[in-house]
Protein backbone atom coordinates (compact mmCIF):
# COMPACT_ATOMS: atom_id res chain seq x y z
CA MET A 1 115.22 176.72 120.62
CA PRO A 2 115.35 175.64 116.95
CA SER A 3 114.54 172.00 116.30
CA TRP A 4 117.84 171.49 114.43
CA PHE A 5 119.75 172.73 117.49
CA ALA A 6 117.90 170.31 119.78
CA LEU A 7 118.51 167.40 117.40
CA LEU A 8 122.15 168.04 116.53
CA ILE A 9 123.64 169.89 119.51
CA PHE A 10 121.75 169.99 122.84
CA PRO A 11 120.32 167.72 124.04
CA GLY A 12 120.83 165.96 120.73
CA PHE A 13 123.66 164.09 119.09
CA LEU A 14 126.70 166.22 119.97
CA TYR A 15 125.70 166.27 123.65
CA ALA A 16 124.25 162.77 123.95
CA VAL A 17 127.20 160.85 122.49
CA PRO A 18 129.97 162.13 124.83
CA MET A 19 127.56 162.20 127.78
CA GLY A 20 126.51 158.62 127.01
CA TRP A 21 130.15 157.52 126.91
CA LEU A 22 130.73 159.32 130.21
CA MET A 23 127.77 157.47 131.74
CA LEU A 24 129.02 154.11 130.46
CA TRP A 25 132.45 154.85 131.93
CA LEU A 26 130.96 155.95 135.24
CA GLU A 27 128.91 152.75 135.40
CA ARG A 28 131.97 150.57 134.73
CA LYS A 29 134.17 152.58 137.10
CA ILE A 30 131.74 152.41 140.02
CA LEU A 31 131.15 148.68 139.51
CA ALA A 32 134.91 148.14 139.45
CA ARG A 33 135.43 150.06 142.68
CA LEU A 34 132.60 148.13 144.36
CA GLN A 35 134.42 144.93 143.35
CA SER A 36 137.83 146.20 144.54
CA ARG A 37 139.12 146.71 141.00
CA ILE A 38 140.65 149.82 139.45
CA GLY A 39 138.34 150.08 136.46
CA PRO A 40 138.89 151.61 133.01
CA PRO A 41 140.10 155.15 132.20
CA PHE A 42 137.42 157.68 131.32
CA TYR A 43 138.17 157.50 127.59
CA GLN A 44 137.70 153.72 127.36
CA PRO A 45 134.14 153.77 125.89
CA PHE A 46 135.36 156.07 123.09
CA PHE A 47 138.23 153.74 122.18
CA ASP A 48 135.93 150.72 122.37
CA PHE A 49 133.63 152.43 119.88
CA ILE A 50 136.50 153.32 117.52
CA LYS A 51 137.83 149.76 117.68
CA LEU A 52 134.44 148.27 116.78
CA MET A 53 133.81 150.77 113.99
CA THR A 54 137.11 149.87 112.30
CA LYS A 55 136.37 146.13 112.24
CA GLU A 56 134.71 144.57 109.21
CA PRO A 57 131.64 142.50 110.21
CA LEU A 58 131.02 139.00 108.97
CA ARG A 59 129.04 138.76 105.75
CA ARG A 60 125.59 137.22 105.92
CA ALA A 61 122.86 136.46 103.42
CA SER A 62 121.86 139.64 101.57
CA GLY A 63 118.42 139.82 103.20
CA GLU A 64 119.87 139.48 106.70
CA ASP A 65 122.62 142.01 106.00
CA ILE A 66 120.05 144.72 105.30
CA PHE A 67 118.29 144.18 108.63
CA TYR A 68 121.58 144.00 110.56
CA LEU A 69 122.40 147.44 109.13
CA LEU A 70 119.00 149.14 109.30
CA LEU A 71 117.87 148.03 112.77
CA PRO A 72 120.83 149.55 114.69
CA LEU A 73 120.55 152.76 112.64
CA LEU A 74 116.80 152.95 113.28
CA ALA A 75 117.29 152.41 117.01
CA LEU A 76 120.01 155.08 117.19
CA GLY A 77 118.02 157.63 115.20
CA ALA A 78 114.84 157.13 117.24
CA THR A 79 116.68 157.37 120.56
CA VAL A 80 118.48 160.58 119.54
CA GLY A 81 115.14 161.94 118.31
CA SER A 82 113.54 161.32 121.71
CA LEU A 83 116.11 163.63 123.31
CA THR A 84 114.79 166.63 121.39
CA LEU A 85 111.47 166.33 123.25
CA LEU A 86 112.91 166.56 126.77
CA PRO A 87 111.79 169.74 128.62
CA ILE A 88 115.25 170.90 129.66
CA LEU A 89 115.44 174.55 128.65
CA PRO A 90 112.71 177.22 128.89
CA SER A 91 112.86 177.51 125.11
CA SER A 92 112.63 173.76 124.48
CA ALA A 93 110.33 172.84 121.62
CA SER A 94 106.97 171.56 122.84
CA ALA A 95 104.18 170.10 120.76
CA VAL A 96 100.78 168.64 121.57
CA GLY A 97 101.24 165.00 122.51
CA ASP A 98 105.03 165.02 122.63
CA LEU A 99 104.82 162.70 125.66
CA VAL A 100 103.25 160.04 123.43
CA LEU A 101 105.91 160.62 120.79
CA PHE A 102 108.69 160.32 123.38
CA VAL A 103 107.37 156.96 124.60
CA ALA A 104 107.08 155.73 121.02
CA LEU A 105 110.64 156.76 120.18
CA VAL A 106 112.30 155.25 123.26
CA GLU A 107 110.51 151.95 122.59
CA VAL A 108 112.01 151.64 119.11
CA ALA A 109 115.38 150.43 120.44
CA PRO A 110 113.96 147.50 122.49
CA ILE A 111 111.79 146.46 119.53
CA CYS A 112 114.81 146.53 117.21
CA LEU A 113 116.78 144.51 119.75
CA VAL A 114 114.06 141.86 119.87
CA LEU A 115 113.98 141.70 116.07
CA LEU A 116 117.77 141.33 115.92
CA GLY A 117 117.58 138.43 118.34
CA PHE A 118 114.91 136.65 116.33
CA LEU A 119 116.94 137.20 113.14
CA SER A 120 119.88 135.49 114.79
CA ARG A 121 120.59 131.85 114.01
CA SER A 122 122.05 131.45 117.48
CA ILE A 123 119.95 129.96 120.26
CA PHE A 124 121.49 132.54 122.61
CA GLY A 125 120.22 135.38 120.44
CA GLN A 126 116.73 133.93 120.23
CA VAL A 127 116.51 133.28 123.97
CA GLY A 128 117.76 136.82 124.60
CA ALA A 129 115.07 138.19 122.27
CA ILE A 130 112.35 136.29 124.12
CA ARG A 131 113.60 137.59 127.46
CA GLU A 132 113.88 141.14 126.15
CA ALA A 133 110.31 141.03 124.80
CA THR A 134 108.97 139.61 128.08
CA LEU A 135 110.71 142.21 130.22
CA THR A 136 109.73 145.05 127.88
CA ILE A 137 106.07 144.11 128.27
CA ALA A 138 106.46 143.74 132.05
CA THR A 139 108.09 147.13 132.53
CA ASN A 140 106.00 149.13 130.06
CA LEU A 141 102.84 148.75 132.13
CA PRO A 142 104.22 150.68 135.15
CA PHE A 143 106.27 152.98 132.88
CA ILE A 144 103.30 154.12 130.81
CA THR A 145 100.91 154.18 133.79
CA ALA A 146 103.26 156.52 135.70
CA LEU A 147 103.45 158.85 132.70
CA ILE A 148 99.65 158.79 132.37
CA ALA A 149 99.40 159.81 136.03
CA LEU A 150 101.72 162.77 135.44
CA ALA A 151 99.83 163.78 132.30
CA TYR A 152 96.44 163.59 134.03
CA ALA A 153 97.66 165.51 137.07
CA SER A 154 99.07 168.32 134.92
CA GLY A 155 96.18 168.26 132.43
CA SER A 156 98.45 168.05 129.41
CA LEU A 157 100.37 165.67 127.17
CA ARG A 158 103.12 168.25 126.68
CA LEU A 159 106.31 167.32 128.54
CA MET A 160 107.10 170.97 129.31
CA GLU A 161 103.71 171.50 130.98
CA ILE A 162 104.01 168.20 132.85
CA ALA A 163 107.43 169.27 134.19
CA SER A 164 106.02 172.64 135.28
CA ASN A 165 102.54 171.80 136.56
CA ALA A 166 102.47 168.25 137.96
CA PRO A 167 101.57 168.28 141.70
CA LEU A 168 104.39 167.35 144.06
CA ALA A 169 102.75 164.21 145.50
CA THR A 170 101.90 162.73 142.10
CA ARG A 171 105.28 163.76 140.72
CA ALA A 172 107.22 162.07 143.54
CA ILE A 173 105.35 158.75 143.35
CA ALA A 174 105.33 158.64 139.55
CA LEU A 175 109.04 159.45 139.30
CA LEU A 176 109.81 156.69 141.80
CA ALA A 177 107.83 154.27 139.61
CA LEU A 178 109.75 155.48 136.54
CA LEU A 179 113.03 155.03 138.41
CA PHE A 180 111.99 151.43 139.14
CA CYS A 181 111.68 150.87 135.38
CA LEU A 182 115.15 152.09 134.41
CA PRO A 183 117.18 148.99 135.42
CA ILE A 184 115.23 146.81 132.99
CA LYS A 185 115.28 149.39 130.21
CA LEU A 186 119.04 149.82 130.67
CA ARG A 187 119.60 146.08 131.23
CA LEU A 188 121.16 146.44 134.68
CA ASN A 189 121.21 144.13 137.69
CA PRO A 190 119.08 142.82 139.25
CA PHE A 191 117.09 142.76 135.99
CA SER A 192 119.84 142.05 133.44
CA VAL A 193 118.09 138.83 132.42
CA ALA A 194 118.01 139.59 128.69
CA ASN A 195 121.80 140.01 128.42
CA ALA A 196 122.99 137.57 131.11
CA GLU A 197 126.59 136.97 130.01
CA GLN A 198 127.08 133.82 132.09
CA GLU A 199 123.97 132.21 130.58
CA ILE A 200 123.41 133.50 127.04
CA TYR A 201 126.54 135.56 126.28
CA GLN A 202 125.10 138.89 125.04
CA GLY A 203 121.59 137.64 124.35
CA ALA A 204 120.04 139.26 121.29
CA LEU A 205 123.38 140.92 120.44
CA THR A 206 125.35 137.66 120.33
CA GLU A 207 125.80 137.66 116.55
CA LEU A 208 126.44 141.39 116.13
CA ASP A 209 130.05 142.26 115.35
CA GLY A 210 132.22 145.02 113.97
CA TRP A 211 130.68 148.41 113.27
CA ARG A 212 127.17 146.97 113.65
CA LEU A 213 127.93 146.20 117.28
CA GLY A 214 129.58 149.61 117.57
CA LEU A 215 126.37 151.30 116.43
CA TRP A 216 124.39 149.33 118.97
CA GLU A 217 126.76 150.20 121.80
CA LEU A 218 126.37 153.85 120.78
CA THR A 219 122.59 153.43 120.88
CA HIS A 220 122.84 152.00 124.39
CA ALA A 221 124.92 154.99 125.49
CA VAL A 222 122.29 157.39 124.12
CA GLU A 223 119.58 155.32 125.86
CA TRP A 224 121.28 156.13 129.15
CA VAL A 225 121.07 159.84 128.34
CA ALA A 226 117.43 159.72 127.18
CA LEU A 227 115.99 157.65 130.04
CA SER A 228 117.94 159.28 132.86
CA GLY A 229 117.22 162.62 131.19
CA LEU A 230 113.48 161.99 131.29
CA ILE A 231 113.51 161.64 135.07
CA ALA A 232 116.01 164.48 135.52
CA SER A 233 113.91 166.89 133.44
CA LEU A 234 110.63 165.96 135.15
CA ALA A 235 112.09 166.00 138.67
CA VAL A 236 112.69 169.77 138.67
CA PRO A 237 109.43 171.78 138.53
CA TRP A 238 111.15 175.08 137.77
CA ARG A 239 113.58 176.56 135.27
CA SER A 240 116.07 179.30 136.11
CA GLY A 241 115.53 181.02 132.78
CA GLN A 242 119.26 180.77 132.05
CA ALA A 243 120.00 178.09 129.49
CA ILE A 244 123.50 177.27 130.74
CA LEU A 245 122.40 176.77 134.36
CA ASP A 246 119.44 174.64 133.32
CA ALA A 247 121.65 172.49 131.09
CA ILE A 248 124.23 172.00 133.86
CA LEU A 249 121.53 171.07 136.38
CA PHE A 250 120.06 168.58 133.90
CA ALA A 251 123.46 166.97 133.29
CA LEU A 252 124.28 166.75 137.01
CA LEU A 253 120.93 165.17 137.89
CA SER A 254 121.41 162.66 135.08
CA LEU A 255 124.83 161.69 136.43
CA VAL A 256 123.42 161.31 139.95
CA LEU A 257 120.88 158.84 138.55
CA VAL A 258 123.72 156.89 136.92
CA VAL A 259 125.46 156.61 140.28
CA VAL A 260 122.29 155.45 142.05
CA LEU A 261 121.42 152.85 139.42
CA THR A 262 124.99 151.55 139.26
CA VAL A 263 125.28 151.16 143.03
CA ILE A 264 122.01 149.20 143.03
CA ALA A 265 123.31 147.04 140.16
CA GLY A 266 126.58 146.37 141.97
CA ALA A 267 124.87 145.49 145.24
CA THR A 268 122.33 143.03 143.83
CA ALA A 269 122.33 139.68 142.07
CA ARG A 270 120.44 138.89 138.88
CA LEU A 271 116.85 137.73 139.32
CA LYS A 272 115.17 135.03 137.29
CA LEU A 273 112.89 136.05 134.43
CA LEU A 274 109.72 135.17 136.34
CA GLN A 275 110.94 136.94 139.47
CA ALA A 276 111.75 140.11 137.51
CA SER A 277 108.35 140.10 135.79
CA ARG A 278 106.50 139.58 139.07
CA PHE A 279 108.46 142.37 140.72
CA TYR A 280 107.34 144.89 138.11
CA TRP A 281 103.76 143.70 138.02
CA ARG A 282 103.52 143.99 141.80
CA TRP A 283 105.74 146.84 142.96
CA GLY A 284 106.38 148.85 139.81
CA PHE A 285 102.76 148.79 138.67
CA GLY A 286 101.60 149.25 142.28
CA LEU A 287 103.54 152.51 142.59
CA ALA A 288 102.39 153.73 139.19
CA LEU A 289 98.78 152.89 140.05
CA LEU A 290 99.13 154.74 143.35
CA ALA A 291 100.39 157.79 141.45
CA LEU A 292 97.38 157.56 139.14
CA VAL A 293 94.96 157.32 142.08
CA VAL A 294 96.61 160.30 143.78
CA SER A 295 96.35 162.31 140.55
CA LEU A 296 92.60 161.66 140.44
CA PHE A 297 92.04 163.29 143.83
CA LEU A 298 94.47 166.22 143.69
């Protein structure tokens, strides 16, 4: 599969944007039904994006304006770029060390979010940035450890070879550890501490407005596709050899993950920052470490 096709079409921009909006709608719809509400129509995320993109943002000092423009664009570009590395199709591009590159790219958005919060003159933005940085550190230990376990068990840093060769036991435990990490990375309950609306409004995003906020909401939608897509692509150890069937299976598994994560978010209350950090250091890292130990003996 040509690299331009992966970047622009599937699983790149033209796939990720509508799929991300579908995931955002599904999240909001399920939460609404769990709370005995009707919820929005399926096209609501698209109209929200159009509305934000047509609004003129407030002007800031020239130096701040540059960062408020570049950071959302950098986060969006890096997240879309990470999608091109996912081992979805038999012909997916694979390079030595693309696992390392994927991790680096998906971490760009949280780093940009932290920087946006610290650039903010609002106390809510700065507190949100501190919380985001703390939770990113807490969740990256089990996240990276689980990926190391998969890489060691398969003997490769190529995502395609990891998806094909990782032993079942290591794969199951490591994927469970990765699944544990998604609520923090997607800022969902019970770990939505960094964007707790009742406490700090939108946290690091408090001072974003207009098309800048629209770009960030688009980045968040693509984050859903990239992170759920990582687990969906690694969960299936085989490929049918038919691109359409593999793509459909990938999309369906990704949507199933959205449903699971949203039900958990709707059924739980937000934890405190210390409680969330302790949870990941104990249970998330414990599972990832178990996967690493299992990989050493299989």
